[in-house]
C-alpha atoms as a PDB file:
ATOM      1  CA  MET A   1      54.843 -34.925  19.104  1.00  0.00           C
ATOM      2  CA  LYS A   2      56.123 -34.320  15.568  1.00  0.00           C
ATOM      3  CA  ASN A   3      57.099 -38.083  15.251  1.00  0.00           C
ATOM      4  CA  PHE A   4      53.792 -38.985  16.512  1.00  0.00           C
ATOM      5  CA  ILE A   5      51.842 -36.697  13.961  1.00  0.00           C
ATOM      6  CA  ILE A   6      54.012 -38.134  11.032  1.00  0.00           C
ATOM      7  CA  SER A   7      53.548 -41.729  12.071  1.00  0.00           C
ATOM      8  CA  SER A   8      49.729 -41.064  12.377  1.00  0.00           C
ATOM      9  CA  LEU A   9      49.542 -39.688   8.913  1.00  0.00           C
ATOM     10  CA  GLY A  10      51.256 -42.547   7.596  1.00  0.00           C
ATOM     11  CA  ILE A  11      48.782 -44.894   9.069  1.00  0.00           C
ATOM     12  CA  PHE A  12      45.828 -42.715   7.713  1.00  0.00           C
ATOM     13  CA  LEU A  13      47.270 -42.809   4.287  1.00  0.00           C
ATOM     14  CA  LEU A  14      47.375 -46.516   4.462  1.00  0.00           C
ATOM     15  CA  CYS A  15      44.034 -47.118   6.233  1.00  0.00           C
ATOM     16  CA  THR A  16      41.972 -44.139   5.144  1.00  0.00           C
ATOM     17  CA  LEU A  17      38.744 -45.434   7.057  1.00  0.00           C
ATOM     18  CA  ALA A  18      38.282 -48.073   4.216  1.00  0.00           C
ATOM     19  CA  ALA A  19      35.583 -50.521   5.326  1.00  0.00           C
ATOM     20  CA  SER A  20      38.228 -53.366   5.310  1.00  0.00           C
ATOM     21  CA  CYS A  21      40.548 -51.482   7.552  1.00  0.00           C
ATOM     22  CA  LYS A  22      39.531 -52.544  11.145  1.00  0.00           C
ATOM     23  CA  LYS A  23      40.884 -51.077  14.381  1.00  0.00           C
ATOM     24  CA  SER A  24      42.625 -54.381  15.019  1.00  0.00           C
ATOM     25  CA  ASP A  25      44.341 -53.913  11.752  1.00  0.00           C
ATOM     26  CA  VAL A  26      46.305 -50.833  12.719  1.00  0.00           C
ATOM     27  CA  ASN A  27      49.421 -52.501  13.920  1.00  0.00           C
ATOM     28  CA  GLY A  28      51.826 -51.406  11.234  1.00  0.00           C
ATOM     29  CA  ASP A  29      51.800 -54.507   9.239  1.00  0.00           C
ATOM     30  CA  PRO A  30      52.027 -53.275   5.584  1.00  0.00           C
ATOM     31  CA  LYS A  31      50.112 -56.377   4.250  1.00  0.00           C
ATOM     32  CA  LYS A  32      46.906 -55.403   6.186  1.00  0.00           C
ATOM     33  CA  LEU A  33      46.856 -51.724   5.475  1.00  0.00           C
ATOM     34  CA  ILE A  34      45.514 -49.833   2.444  1.00  0.00           C
ATOM     35  CA  LEU A  35      46.942 -46.934   0.763  1.00  0.00           C
ATOM     36  CA  GLY A  36      45.042 -43.594   0.727  1.00  0.00           C
ATOM     37  CA  SER A  37      45.496 -40.482  -1.285  1.00  0.00           C
ATOM     38  CA  TYR A  38      45.371 -36.737  -1.284  1.00  0.00           C
ATOM     39  CA  ILE A  39      46.733 -33.620  -3.378  1.00  0.00           C
ATOM     40  CA  THR A  40      48.208 -30.576  -1.992  1.00  0.00           C
ATOM     41  CA  LEU A  41      47.636 -26.834  -2.890  1.00  0.00           C
ATOM     42  CA  ASP A  42      50.189 -25.275  -5.073  1.00  0.00           C
ATOM     43  CA  SER A  43      48.483 -21.863  -5.200  1.00  0.00           C
ATOM     44  CA  THR A  44      45.249 -20.076  -5.138  1.00  0.00           C
ATOM     45  CA  ILE A  45      45.018 -18.153  -8.488  1.00  0.00           C
ATOM     46  CA  ASN A  46      41.882 -16.197  -7.822  1.00  0.00           C
ATOM     47  CA  SER A  47      39.211 -16.608  -4.993  1.00  0.00           C
ATOM     48  CA  PHE A  48      36.835 -13.524  -6.116  1.00  0.00           C
ATOM     49  CA  LEU A  49      33.971 -14.636  -8.386  1.00  0.00           C
ATOM     50  CA  ASP A  50      32.361 -11.698 -10.416  1.00  0.00           C
ATOM     51  CA  ILE A  51      28.610 -12.973 -10.272  1.00  0.00           C
ATOM     52  CA  SER A  52      27.764 -10.383 -12.984  1.00  0.00           C
ATOM     53  CA  ASN A  53      29.865 -12.149 -15.522  1.00  0.00           C
ATOM     54  CA  GLY A  54      28.963 -15.734 -16.439  1.00  0.00           C
ATOM     55  CA  SER A  55      32.493 -16.557 -17.705  1.00  0.00           C
ATOM     56  CA  SER A  56      34.293 -15.068 -14.398  1.00  0.00           C
ATOM     57  CA  SER A  57      36.106 -17.887 -12.547  1.00  0.00           C
ATOM     58  CA  VAL A  58      37.870 -18.941  -9.177  1.00  0.00           C
ATOM     59  CA  SER A  59      40.730 -21.147  -9.563  1.00  0.00           C
ATOM     60  CA  ILE A  60      43.363 -23.011  -7.622  1.00  0.00           C
ATOM     61  CA  LYS A  61      46.637 -24.912  -8.735  1.00  0.00           C
ATOM     62  CA  VAL A  62      47.193 -28.486  -7.253  1.00  0.00           C
ATOM     63  CA  LYS A  63      50.239 -30.720  -7.181  1.00  0.00           C
ATOM     64  CA  ASN A  64      51.969 -33.527  -5.435  1.00  0.00           C
ATOM     65  CA  THR A  65      49.779 -36.583  -4.971  1.00  0.00           C
ATOM     66  CA  VAL A  66      50.339 -38.055  -1.722  1.00  0.00           C
ATOM     67  CA  GLY A  67      49.580 -41.760  -1.529  1.00  0.00           C
ATOM     68  CA  GLU A  68      48.038 -43.766  -4.316  1.00  0.00           C
ATOM     69  CA  ALA A  69      48.042 -42.141  -7.761  1.00  0.00           C
ATOM     70  CA  VAL A  70      45.283 -39.788  -8.680  1.00  0.00           C
ATOM     71  CA  LYS A  71      43.332 -40.298 -11.941  1.00  0.00           C
ATOM     72  CA  SER A  72      40.726 -37.505 -11.661  1.00  0.00           C
ATOM     73  CA  ILE A  73      39.337 -34.996  -9.508  1.00  0.00           C
ATOM     74  CA  ASN A  74      35.282 -34.397  -9.159  1.00  0.00           C
ATOM     75  CA  ILE A  75      34.515 -30.726  -8.147  1.00  0.00           C
ATOM     76  CA  TYR A  76      31.310 -30.233  -6.330  1.00  0.00           C
ATOM     77  CA  ALA A  77      29.618 -27.035  -4.869  1.00  0.00           C
ATOM     78  CA  ALA A  78      28.545 -27.468  -1.290  1.00  0.00           C
ATOM     79  CA  THR A  79      25.002 -25.976  -1.417  1.00  0.00           C
ATOM     80  CA  GLY A  80      24.359 -26.571   2.361  1.00  0.00           C
ATOM     81  CA  ASP A  81      26.584 -27.583   5.309  1.00  0.00           C
ATOM     82  CA  PRO A  82      29.887 -27.867   3.651  1.00  0.00           C
ATOM     83  CA  LEU A  83      30.387 -31.396   5.226  1.00  0.00           C
ATOM     84  CA  ASP A  84      26.985 -32.724   4.192  1.00  0.00           C
ATOM     85  CA  THR A  85      27.580 -34.641   1.007  1.00  0.00           C
ATOM     86  CA  THR A  86      23.728 -34.965   0.334  1.00  0.00           C
ATOM     87  CA  LYS A  87      23.908 -31.237  -0.343  1.00  0.00           C
ATOM     88  CA  TRP A  88      26.921 -31.422  -2.691  1.00  0.00           C
ATOM     89  CA  VAL A  89      26.251 -30.702  -6.419  1.00  0.00           C
ATOM     90  CA  LYS A  90      28.628 -32.012  -8.875  1.00  0.00           C
ATOM     91  CA  ILE A  91      30.065 -29.305 -11.256  1.00  0.00           C
ATOM     92  CA  LYS A  92      32.443 -31.452 -13.268  1.00  0.00           C
ATOM     93  CA  THR A  93      35.309 -33.975 -13.197  1.00  0.00           C
ATOM     94  CA  VAL A  94      38.982 -32.908 -14.130  1.00  0.00           C
ATOM     95  CA  ASP A  95      41.808 -35.322 -15.274  1.00  0.00           C
ATOM     96  CA  TYR A  96      44.399 -35.088 -12.755  1.00  0.00           C
ATOM     97  CA  GLN A  97      48.174 -34.069 -13.771  1.00  0.00           C
ATOM     98  CA  ASP A  98      50.751 -32.468 -11.475  1.00  0.00           C
ATOM     99  CA  GLY A  99      50.187 -28.671 -11.537  1.00  0.00           C
ATOM    100  CA  VAL A 100      46.649 -28.883 -13.054  1.00  0.00           C
ATOM    101  CA  VAL A 101      44.411 -25.797 -12.406  1.00  0.00           C
ATOM    102  CA  LEU A 102      40.987 -26.221 -11.091  1.00  0.00           C
ATOM    103  CA  ASP A 103      38.487 -23.655 -11.973  1.00  0.00           C
ATOM    104  CA  VAL A 104      34.909 -22.870 -11.446  1.00  0.00           C
ATOM    105  CA  THR A 105      32.823 -20.242 -13.153  1.00  0.00           C
ATOM    106  CA  THR A 106      30.102 -18.029 -12.273  1.00  0.00           C
ATOM    107  CA  ALA A 107      27.771 -19.781 -14.782  1.00  0.00           C
ATOM    108  CA  GLU A 108      28.778 -23.381 -13.415  1.00  0.00           C
ATOM    109  CA  LEU A 109      28.150 -22.267  -9.527  1.00  0.00           C
ATOM    110  CA  ALA A 110      25.016 -20.669 -10.439  1.00  0.00           C
ATOM    111  CA  ALA A 111      23.785 -23.886 -12.300  1.00  0.00           C
ATOM    112  CA  ALA A 112      24.758 -25.930  -9.102  1.00  0.00           C
ATOM    113  CA  PHE A 113      22.619 -23.695  -6.842  1.00  0.00           C
ATOM    114  CA  GLY A 114      19.663 -23.687  -9.282  1.00  0.00           C
ATOM    115  CA  ALA A 115      16.798 -21.392  -8.058  1.00  0.00           C
ATOM    116  CA  THR A 116      18.882 -19.843  -5.435  1.00  0.00           C
ATOM    117  CA  PRO A 117      20.630 -17.073  -6.993  1.00  0.00           C
ATOM    118  CA  LEU A 118      24.412 -16.228  -6.097  1.00  0.00           C
ATOM    119  CA  SER A 119      24.614 -13.189  -3.844  1.00  0.00           C
ATOM    120  CA  ALA A 120      27.489 -10.576  -3.696  1.00  0.00           C
ATOM    121  CA  GLY A 121      29.200 -10.873  -0.357  1.00  0.00           C
ATOM    122  CA  ASN A 122      28.544 -14.505   0.148  1.00  0.00           C
ATOM    123  CA  SER A 123      31.323 -17.199   0.520  1.00  0.00           C
ATOM    124  CA  TYR A 124      30.747 -20.359  -1.393  1.00  0.00           C
ATOM    125  CA  THR A 125      32.424 -23.548  -0.430  1.00  0.00           C
ATOM    126  CA  ILE A 126      33.736 -25.858  -3.156  1.00  0.00           C
ATOM    127  CA  GLN A 127      34.745 -29.477  -2.360  1.00  0.00           C
ATOM    128  CA  ASN A 128      37.286 -31.624  -4.322  1.00  0.00           C
ATOM    129  CA  GLU A 129      36.806 -35.443  -4.395  1.00  0.00           C
ATOM    130  CA  ILE A 130      39.957 -37.438  -5.334  1.00  0.00           C
ATOM    131  CA  VAL A 131      39.351 -40.370  -7.500  1.00  0.00           C
ATOM    132  CA  THR A 132      42.447 -42.859  -7.373  1.00  0.00           C
ATOM    133  CA  ALA A 133      43.957 -45.225 -10.261  1.00  0.00           C
ATOM    134  CA  SER A 134      41.977 -47.920  -8.398  1.00  0.00           C
ATOM    135  CA  GLY A 135      38.733 -46.130  -8.365  1.00  0.00           C
ATOM    136  CA  ARG A 136      38.616 -45.359  -4.865  1.00  0.00           C
ATOM    137  CA  ARG A 137      37.388 -41.825  -3.656  1.00  0.00           C
ATOM    138  CA  PHE A 138      38.515 -39.518  -1.099  1.00  0.00           C
ATOM    139  CA  SER A 139      37.258 -35.891   0.110  1.00  0.00           C
ATOM    140  CA  VAL A 140      36.602 -34.196   3.471  1.00  0.00           C
ATOM    141  CA  ASN A 141      33.869 -36.915   3.788  1.00  0.00           C
ATOM    142  CA  ASN A 142      36.174 -39.555   4.682  1.00  0.00           C
ATOM    143  CA  THR A 143      39.373 -37.659   5.662  1.00  0.00           C
ATOM    144  CA  PRO A 144      39.647 -36.641   9.380  1.00  0.00           C
ATOM    145  CA  SER A 145      39.555 -33.184   9.964  1.00  0.00           C
ATOM    146  CA  THR A 146      42.718 -33.274  12.172  1.00  0.00           C
ATOM    147  CA  TYR A 147      44.576 -34.065   8.888  1.00  0.00           C
ATOM    148  CA  ASN A 148      42.643 -31.951   6.534  1.00  0.00           C
ATOM    149  CA  SER A 149      42.948 -28.835   8.830  1.00  0.00           C
ATOM    150  CA  PHE A 150      46.601 -29.318   9.531  1.00  0.00           C
ATOM    151  CA  PRO A 151      48.660 -26.711   7.638  1.00  0.00           C
ATOM    152  CA  ALA A 152      51.707 -28.931   7.290  1.00  0.00           C
ATOM    153  CA  TYR A 153      49.741 -31.266   5.033  1.00  0.00           C
ATOM    154  CA  ASN A 154      48.558 -28.442   2.847  1.00  0.00           C
ATOM    155  CA  MET A 155      45.529 -30.599   1.610  1.00  0.00           C
ATOM    156  CA  ALA A 156      43.655 -29.122  -1.463  1.00  0.00           C
ATOM    157  CA  LEU A 157      40.206 -30.694  -0.641  1.00  0.00           C
ATOM    158  CA  THR A 158      38.227 -27.482   0.111  1.00  0.00           C
ATOM    159  CA  TRP A 159      38.246 -24.020  -1.301  1.00  0.00           C
ATOM    160  CA  ASN A 160      36.124 -21.036  -1.509  1.00  0.00           C
ATOM    161  CA  ALA A 161      34.508 -18.420  -4.048  1.00  0.00           C
ATOM    162  CA  THR A 162      33.970 -15.007  -2.616  1.00  0.00           C
ATOM    163  CA  ALA A 163      30.954 -13.691  -4.665  1.00  0.00           C
ATOM    164  CA  VAL A 164      31.638  -9.967  -5.787  1.00  0.00           C
ATOM    165  CA  CYS A 165      30.182  -7.808  -8.581  1.00  0.00           C
ATOM    166  CA  ALA A 166      32.143  -5.364 -10.882  1.00  0.00           C
ATOM    167  CA  PHE A 167      32.035  -2.015  -9.154  1.00  0.00           C
ATOM    168  CA  VAL A 168      30.109   0.516 -10.909  1.00  0.00           C
ATOM    169  CA  GLN A 169      30.438   4.079  -9.598  1.00  0.00           C
ATOM    170  CA  ALA A 170      27.000   5.254 -10.850  1.00  0.00           C
ATOM    171  CA  ASP A 171      25.374   2.353  -9.183  1.00  0.00           C
ATOM    172  CA  ALA A 172      26.896   2.795  -5.803  1.00  0.00           C
ATOM    173  CA  VAL A 173      25.993   6.502  -5.430  1.00  0.00           C
ATOM    174  CA  GLY A 174      22.603   7.471  -3.538  1.00  0.00           C
ATOM    175  CA  THR A 175      20.867   7.507  -0.343  1.00  0.00           C
ATOM    176  CA  TYR A 176      21.894   4.944   2.266  1.00  0.00           C
ATOM    177  CA  LYS A 177      20.798   4.197   5.834  1.00  0.00           C
ATOM    178  CA  VAL A 178      22.959   2.963   8.655  1.00  0.00           C
ATOM    179  CA  VAL A 179      22.647  -0.607   9.181  1.00  0.00           C
ATOM    180  CA  SER A 180      25.274  -0.823  12.253  1.00  0.00           C
ATOM    181  CA  ASP A 181      27.483   1.493  14.099  1.00  0.00           C
ATOM    182  CA  LYS A 182      27.346  -0.374  17.265  1.00  0.00           C
ATOM    183  CA  ASP A 183      31.115   0.055  17.935  1.00  0.00           C
ATOM    184  CA  TRP A 184      31.631   3.727  17.517  1.00  0.00           C
ATOM    185  CA  VAL A 185      28.140   4.658  18.090  1.00  0.00           C
ATOM    186  CA  ASP A 186      28.229   8.044  16.227  1.00  0.00           C
ATOM    187  CA  PHE A 187      24.978   6.925  14.348  1.00  0.00           C
ATOM    188  CA  GLN A 188      21.738   5.310  15.221  1.00  0.00           C
ATOM    189  CA  THR A 189      20.345   2.553  12.971  1.00  0.00           C
ATOM    190  CA  GLY A 190      18.348   4.009  10.155  1.00  0.00           C
ATOM    191  CA  ASP A 191      20.106   7.314   9.970  1.00  0.00           C
ATOM    192  CA  VAL A 192      20.738   8.633   6.496  1.00  0.00           C
ATOM    193  CA  ILE A 193      23.966   9.238   4.652  1.00  0.00           C
ATOM    194  CA  THR A 194      24.395  10.328   1.106  1.00  0.00           C
ATOM    195  CA  VAL A 195      27.050   8.642  -0.886  1.00  0.00           C
ATOM    196  CA  SER A 196      28.596  10.694  -3.760  1.00  0.00           C
ATOM    197  CA  ALA A 197      31.005  10.008  -6.704  1.00  0.00           C
ATOM    198  CA  GLY A 198      34.508  10.107  -5.503  1.00  0.00           C
ATOM    199  CA  PRO A 199      37.502  11.819  -7.015  1.00  0.00           C
ATOM    200  CA  ASP A 200      38.314   9.013  -9.468  1.00  0.00           C
ATOM    201  CA  ILE A 201      36.092   6.327 -11.277  1.00  0.00           C
ATOM    202  CA  ASN A 202      36.471   3.800  -8.840  1.00  0.00           C
ATOM    203  CA  SER A 203      35.945   5.773  -5.632  1.00  0.00           C
ATOM    204  CA  ILE A 204      33.015   7.079  -3.523  1.00  0.00           C
ATOM    205  CA  GLN A 205      32.752   9.539  -0.729  1.00  0.00           C
ATOM    206  CA  PHE A 206      30.408  10.551   1.930  1.00  0.00           C
ATOM    207  CA  LEU A 207      30.363  12.211   5.419  1.00  0.00           C
ATOM    208  CA  ALA A 208      30.517  10.045   8.471  1.00  0.00           C
ATOM    209  CA  TYR A 209      32.430  10.468  11.629  1.00  0.00           C
ATOM    210  CA  PRO A 210      32.417  12.752  13.444  1.00  0.00           C
ATOM    211  CA  SER A 211      28.511  13.012  13.091  1.00  0.00           C
ATOM    212  CA  PRO A 212      26.492  16.063  13.994  1.00  0.00           C
ATOM    213  CA  ALA A 213      24.905  14.131  16.726  1.00  0.00           C
ATOM    214  CA  ALA A 214      28.326  13.635  18.375  1.00  0.00           C
ATOM    215  CA  GLY A 215      29.058  17.377  18.070  1.00  0.00           C
ATOM    216  CA  GLY A 216      31.351  17.054  14.937  1.00  0.00           C
ATOM    217  CA  THR A 217      32.487  20.133  13.215  1.00  0.00           C
ATOM    218  CA  ASN A 218      34.542  20.945  10.245  1.00  0.00           C
ATOM    219  CA  ARG A 219      33.530  17.520   8.808  1.00  0.00           C
ATOM    220  CA  GLN A 220      35.569  16.106   5.846  1.00  0.00           C
ATOM    221  CA  PRO A 221      34.274  13.594   3.313  1.00  0.00           C
ATOM    222  CA  TRP A 222      35.646  10.106   3.593  1.00  0.00           C
ATOM    223  CA  ILE A 223      37.264   9.156   0.411  1.00  0.00           C
ATOM    224  CA  VAL A 224      36.903   5.254  -0.259  1.00  0.00           C
ATOM    225  CA  HIS A 225      38.646   3.727  -3.148  1.00  0.00           C
ATOM    226  CA  VAL A 226      37.212   0.363  -4.428  1.00  0.00           C
ATOM    227  CA  ASP A 227      39.113  -2.320  -6.455  1.00  0.00           C
ATOM    228  CA  PRO A 228      36.565  -2.751  -9.364  1.00  0.00           C
ATOM    229  CA  ALA A 229      37.241  -6.437  -9.719  1.00  0.00           C
ATOM    230  CA  LYS A 230      37.259  -7.572  -6.264  1.00  0.00           C
ATOM    231  CA  ASP A 231      34.941  -4.769  -4.419  1.00  0.00           C
ATOM    232  CA  VAL A 232      37.656  -4.481  -1.943  1.00  0.00           C
ATOM    233  CA  ALA A 233      37.451  -1.139  -0.314  1.00  0.00           C
ATOM    234  CA  THR A 234      40.216   0.898   1.235  1.00  0.00           C
ATOM    235  CA  MET A 235      40.370   4.554   2.784  1.00  0.00           C
ATOM    236  CA  ALA A 236      43.862   5.901   3.389  1.00  0.00           C
ATOM    237  CA  ASP A 237      44.599   7.637   6.657  1.00  0.00           C
ATOM    238  CA  GLN A 238      43.021  11.210   6.582  1.00  0.00           C
ATOM    239  CA  TYR A 239      41.560  13.911   8.636  1.00  0.00           C
ATOM    240  CA  ILE A 240      37.869  13.678   9.069  1.00  0.00           C
ATOM    241  CA  GLY A 241      36.897  16.560  11.286  1.00  0.00           C
ATOM    242  CA  ASP A 242      36.738  17.648  14.830  1.00  0.00           C
ATOM    243  CA  TYR A 243      35.123  16.319  18.126  1.00  0.00           C
ATOM    244  CA  PRO A 244      34.423  18.560  21.023  1.00  0.00           C
ATOM    245  CA  GLY A 245      37.446  18.609  22.973  1.00  0.00           C
ATOM    246  CA  ALA A 246      39.229  16.431  20.554  1.00  0.00           C
ATOM    247  CA  PRO A 247      39.993  18.109  17.366  1.00  0.00           C
ATOM    248  CA  ASP A 248      42.059  16.595  14.442  1.00  0.00           C
ATOM    249  CA  ALA A 249      40.208  13.285  14.322  1.00  0.00           C
ATOM    250  CA  ARG A 250      41.598  10.847  11.745  1.00  0.00           C
ATOM    251  CA  ALA A 251      40.292   7.698  10.369  1.00  0.00           C
ATOM    252  CA  SER A 252      41.529   4.694   7.793  1.00  0.00           C
ATOM    253  CA  ALA A 253      39.328   1.773   6.754  1.00  0.00           C
ATOM    254  CA  THR A 254      39.209  -1.459   4.870  1.00  0.00           C
ATOM    255  CA  GLY A 255      36.180  -3.314   3.749  1.00  0.00           C
ATOM    256  CA  LEU A 256      33.966  -4.145   0.884  1.00  0.00           C
ATOM    257  CA  VAL A 257      31.537  -2.113  -1.396  1.00  0.00           C
ATOM    258  CA  PHE A 258      29.068  -3.973  -3.587  1.00  0.00           C
ATOM    259  CA  SER A 259      27.638  -1.524  -6.146  1.00  0.00           C
ATOM    260  CA  CYS A 260      25.139  -4.118  -7.564  1.00  0.00           C
ATOM    261  CA  THR A 261      23.427  -4.663  -4.095  1.00  0.00           C
ATOM    262  CA  GLY A 262      24.148  -1.150  -2.492  1.00  0.00           C
ATOM    263  CA  TYR A 263      25.978  -2.492   0.548  1.00  0.00           C
ATOM    264  CA  ILE A 264      28.932  -1.030   2.199  1.00  0.00           C
ATOM    265  CA  THR A 265      30.710  -2.619   5.065  1.00  0.00           C
ATOM    266  CA  LEU A 266      33.873  -1.169   6.511  1.00  0.00           C
ATOM    267  CA  LYS A 267      36.311  -1.746   9.616  1.00  0.00           C
ATOM    268  CA  VAL A 268      37.426   1.765  10.484  1.00  0.00           C
ATOM    269  CA  ASN A 269      40.517   2.623  12.640  1.00  0.00           C
ATOM    270  CA  VAL A 270      39.650   6.082  14.202  1.00  0.00           C
ATOM    271  CA  THR A 271      42.346   8.304  15.919  1.00  0.00           C
ATOM    272  CA  TYR A 272      40.493  10.244  18.639  1.00  0.00           C
ATOM    273  CA  ALA A 273      42.141  12.285  21.375  1.00  0.00           C
ATOM    274  CA  GLY A 274      45.644  10.873  20.534  1.00  0.00           C
ATOM    275  CA  SER A 275      44.413   7.169  20.677  1.00  0.00           C
ATOM    276  CA  VAL A 276      43.595   4.823  17.989  1.00  0.00           C
ATOM    277  CA  TYR A 277      40.412   2.783  18.144  1.00  0.00           C
ATOM    278  CA  LYS A 278      40.804  -0.055  15.565  1.00  0.00           C
ATOM    279  CA  ASN A 279      38.183  -2.203  13.746  1.00  0.00           C
ATOM    280  CA  GLN A 280      35.064  -0.053  14.293  1.00  0.00           C
ATOM    281  CA  LYS A 281      32.369  -1.688  12.217  1.00  0.00           C
ATOM    282  CA  PHE A 282      30.269   0.464  10.048  1.00  0.00           C
ATOM    283  CA  ILE A 283      27.701  -0.722   7.677  1.00  0.00           C
ATOM    284  CA  LEU A 284      25.374   0.994   5.024  1.00  0.00           C
ATOM    285  CA  GLN A 285      22.588  -0.266   2.805  1.00  0.00           C
ATOM    286  CA  LYS A 286      21.366   1.750  -0.198  1.00  0.00           C
ATOM    287  CA  GLN A 287      17.693   2.762  -0.118  1.00  0.00           C
END
């Protein structure tokens, strides 16, 4: 199977769906095959884009042209279906050299989306189009997904920007309503929770599980720490209170806190009656 995959890739690189490459030409004769090209991913430098800062950027480092030499890379924002090239908006062209860093700023991505504002929590798709020395172009549009998605090839044709906003504790505190607690079901949609400042400038706290409706007693504030640059939230394992017949409940959590939009989404691991219930989704929206 491994030999078949490698052989297939060789034919793809030489044929690459070019109009002059017909099904009958895929016979291994190098005189009838056309050399294709792609670049590989060296590393993801940053995938979080602070939309409150126009100069904030996401970036990747690319390397190792495979196939025909690459002259430049066109970078596009996919403003609709990621594979619909009619919805691609060109951001810029970057001259290629091995190890070149590709970056996109908040201002550039916002310009591509025009009247549609960037929103914290959204993931935006960025597409690379390879331009070879002979002027031919390759992207996900003419590269079979079986190759583009195969980890061994490590193609750097598509990457993503996760929109965030710098965490500001004063903006995060206030009155929230429960959007969803469908997994643990301590709260109903619309129940009110008050979020207060946490013990340090990059944290918040609030009372949640065990809820009064579930008979919770000795309730303790959840202490949620937020990475101010990425909005990534973590709650270390802590005692949260007692349920009837099941004292000493504990919880830990990971998720996101967007102070600019007043949105909190957590996946909570609850220790109840000696068992751990993982990834209980809990979502709040500021009022």
